[in-house]
Amino acid sequence: MKRALLGLALVAAACSEQGPVAGELAISLATPRASDRAVMFTVTGLQTGVTAAPGSGYFVYAAAGGGDTTRVVVVAPSGRGIAAGQVARIAVADTRKVGSYSVRLSDVAAGSYADGDTAGVVLSVVKP
């Protein structure tokens, strides 16, 4: 009887790991400045949508860049800057394939929306 239960437990565990797990991955920002107002980047990897990070209040604008790339601009509301941490979320078919996604910084806008300094700004794709 114990063998039968152990066998069922192993089968159940194996079944739960099969197939894709749809959901969201986060775009995380590390920055030396909290005064930047906007960040522009390109996400590579198949995804079905881009939204602002929950509770951030950021505005997100996304446009297909061809193939599996998407250009994204994240803008902070008036009077605020883009803080370090999650800035956006991407909807994906399988969250376990986080390594299949990459993000490349294009530009940063300072508080006045003038061209900002990209030095020290790092973006990454992570599980939320």
Protein backbone atom coordinates (compact mmCIF):
# COMPACT_ATOMS: atom_id res chain seq x y z
CA MET A 1 0.00 0.00 0.00
CA LYS A 2 2.86 2.37 0.84
CA ARG A 3 4.43 1.70 -2.57
CA ALA A 4 1.16 2.50 -4.31
CA LEU A 5 0.84 5.80 -2.43
CA LEU A 6 4.46 6.67 -3.13
CA GLY A 7 3.93 5.88 -6.82
CA LEU A 8 0.83 8.09 -6.97
CA ALA A 9 2.67 10.91 -5.24
CA LEU A 10 5.54 10.69 -7.75
CA VAL A 11 3.14 10.67 -10.70
CA ALA A 12 1.25 13.67 -9.30
CA ALA A 13 4.50 15.59 -8.78
CA ALA A 14 5.67 14.79 -12.31
CA CYS A 15 2.34 15.88 -13.82
CA SER A 16 2.43 19.22 -12.02
CA GLU A 17 5.81 20.01 -13.65
CA GLN A 18 4.72 19.24 -17.20
CA GLY A 19 3.41 21.80 -19.62
CA PRO A 20 3.83 25.56 -19.68
CA VAL A 21 2.91 27.81 -16.77
CA ALA A 22 1.45 30.99 -18.24
CA GLY A 23 1.79 34.18 -16.25
CA GLU A 24 3.92 37.27 -15.89
CA LEU A 25 7.60 38.06 -15.62
CA ALA A 26 8.86 41.35 -14.22
CA ILE A 27 11.23 43.89 -15.71
CA SER A 28 13.38 45.06 -12.81
CA LEU A 29 15.36 48.29 -12.77
CA ALA A 30 18.52 49.07 -10.83
CA THR A 31 19.44 52.75 -10.99
CA PRO A 32 21.70 55.15 -9.14
CA ARG A 33 19.10 57.93 -9.48
CA ALA A 34 15.47 58.13 -8.40
CA SER A 35 14.94 61.41 -10.28
CA ASP A 36 14.77 59.96 -13.81
CA ARG A 37 11.29 60.38 -15.28
CA ALA A 38 11.31 57.74 -18.02
CA VAL A 39 13.18 54.70 -19.26
CA MET A 40 13.09 53.15 -22.73
CA PHE A 41 14.12 49.55 -23.42
CA THR A 42 13.65 46.60 -25.75
CA VAL A 43 12.36 43.23 -24.56
CA THR A 44 13.32 40.17 -26.59
CA GLY A 45 11.29 36.98 -26.26
CA LEU A 46 7.74 35.96 -27.14
CA GLN A 47 5.25 37.74 -24.93
CA THR A 48 1.65 38.82 -25.31
CA GLY A 49 1.53 42.12 -23.50
CA VAL A 50 3.30 44.68 -21.35
CA THR A 51 1.82 46.44 -18.33
CA ALA A 52 3.06 48.67 -15.53
CA ALA A 53 4.28 46.98 -12.38
CA PRO A 54 1.40 46.62 -9.90
CA GLY A 55 1.00 49.66 -7.66
CA SER A 56 3.69 51.65 -9.49
CA GLY A 57 1.44 54.25 -11.09
CA TYR A 58 3.75 54.26 -14.12
CA PHE A 59 2.49 54.74 -17.66
CA VAL A 60 3.68 52.06 -20.12
CA TYR A 61 3.79 52.41 -23.87
CA ALA A 62 4.74 49.37 -25.96
CA ALA A 63 5.19 48.79 -29.69
CA ALA A 64 6.15 45.67 -31.60
CA GLY A 65 9.69 45.97 -32.88
CA GLY A 66 9.58 43.08 -35.32
CA GLY A 67 9.93 39.36 -34.66
CA ASP A 68 9.92 38.66 -30.96
CA THR A 69 11.03 42.14 -29.83
CA THR A 70 8.95 44.84 -28.19
CA ARG A 71 10.01 48.42 -27.57
CA VAL A 72 8.80 49.78 -24.25
CA VAL A 73 8.74 53.22 -22.61
CA VAL A 74 7.91 53.52 -18.91
CA VAL A 75 7.04 57.03 -17.68
CA ALA A 76 6.62 58.14 -14.07
CA PRO A 77 3.63 60.33 -13.17
CA SER A 78 4.18 64.07 -12.83
CA GLY A 79 6.24 64.93 -9.77
CA ARG A 80 7.71 61.43 -9.40
CA GLY A 81 10.70 59.53 -10.70
CA ILE A 82 11.28 55.95 -11.75
CA ALA A 83 12.41 54.10 -8.63
CA ALA A 84 14.58 51.01 -8.48
CA GLY A 85 12.57 47.79 -8.52
CA GLN A 86 9.90 46.43 -10.82
CA VAL A 87 8.88 48.87 -13.54
CA ALA A 88 6.85 46.64 -15.87
CA ARG A 89 5.42 43.16 -16.32
CA ILE A 90 5.32 41.04 -19.47
CA ALA A 91 2.70 38.34 -20.08
CA VAL A 92 4.35 35.10 -21.20
CA ALA A 93 3.30 31.58 -22.12
CA ASP A 94 5.72 29.91 -19.67
CA THR A 95 7.15 31.71 -16.65
CA ARG A 96 9.64 28.88 -16.11
CA LYS A 97 11.52 29.99 -19.24
CA VAL A 98 12.68 33.30 -17.74
CA GLY A 99 16.11 32.73 -19.33
CA SER A 100 14.50 32.96 -22.78
CA TYR A 101 13.86 36.67 -22.26
CA SER A 102 16.26 39.58 -22.29
CA VAL A 103 15.98 43.32 -21.93
CA ARG A 104 18.27 46.00 -23.36
CA LEU A 105 18.32 49.59 -22.16
CA SER A 106 17.88 52.17 -24.93
CA ASP A 107 17.60 55.51 -23.14
CA VAL A 108 16.74 57.33 -19.93
CA ALA A 109 15.00 60.69 -19.55
CA ALA A 110 15.95 63.00 -16.70
CA GLY A 111 13.42 64.84 -14.54
CA SER A 112 12.93 67.52 -17.23
CA TYR A 113 12.54 64.79 -19.90
CA ALA A 114 15.92 65.82 -21.34
CA ASP A 115 18.19 63.02 -22.46
CA GLY A 116 19.45 61.35 -19.28
CA ASP A 117 22.55 59.46 -18.25
CA THR A 118 22.36 55.67 -18.74
CA ALA A 119 25.48 55.01 -16.62
CA GLY A 120 24.69 52.60 -13.82
CA VAL A 121 21.17 51.82 -15.05
CA VAL A 122 20.60 48.06 -15.35
CA LEU A 123 17.46 46.21 -16.42
CA SER A 124 16.74 42.50 -15.99
CA VAL A 125 13.90 40.03 -16.51
CA VAL A 126 12.97 38.23 -13.28
CA LYS A 127 10.19 36.18 -11.76
CA PRO A 128 8.02 38.47 -9.62
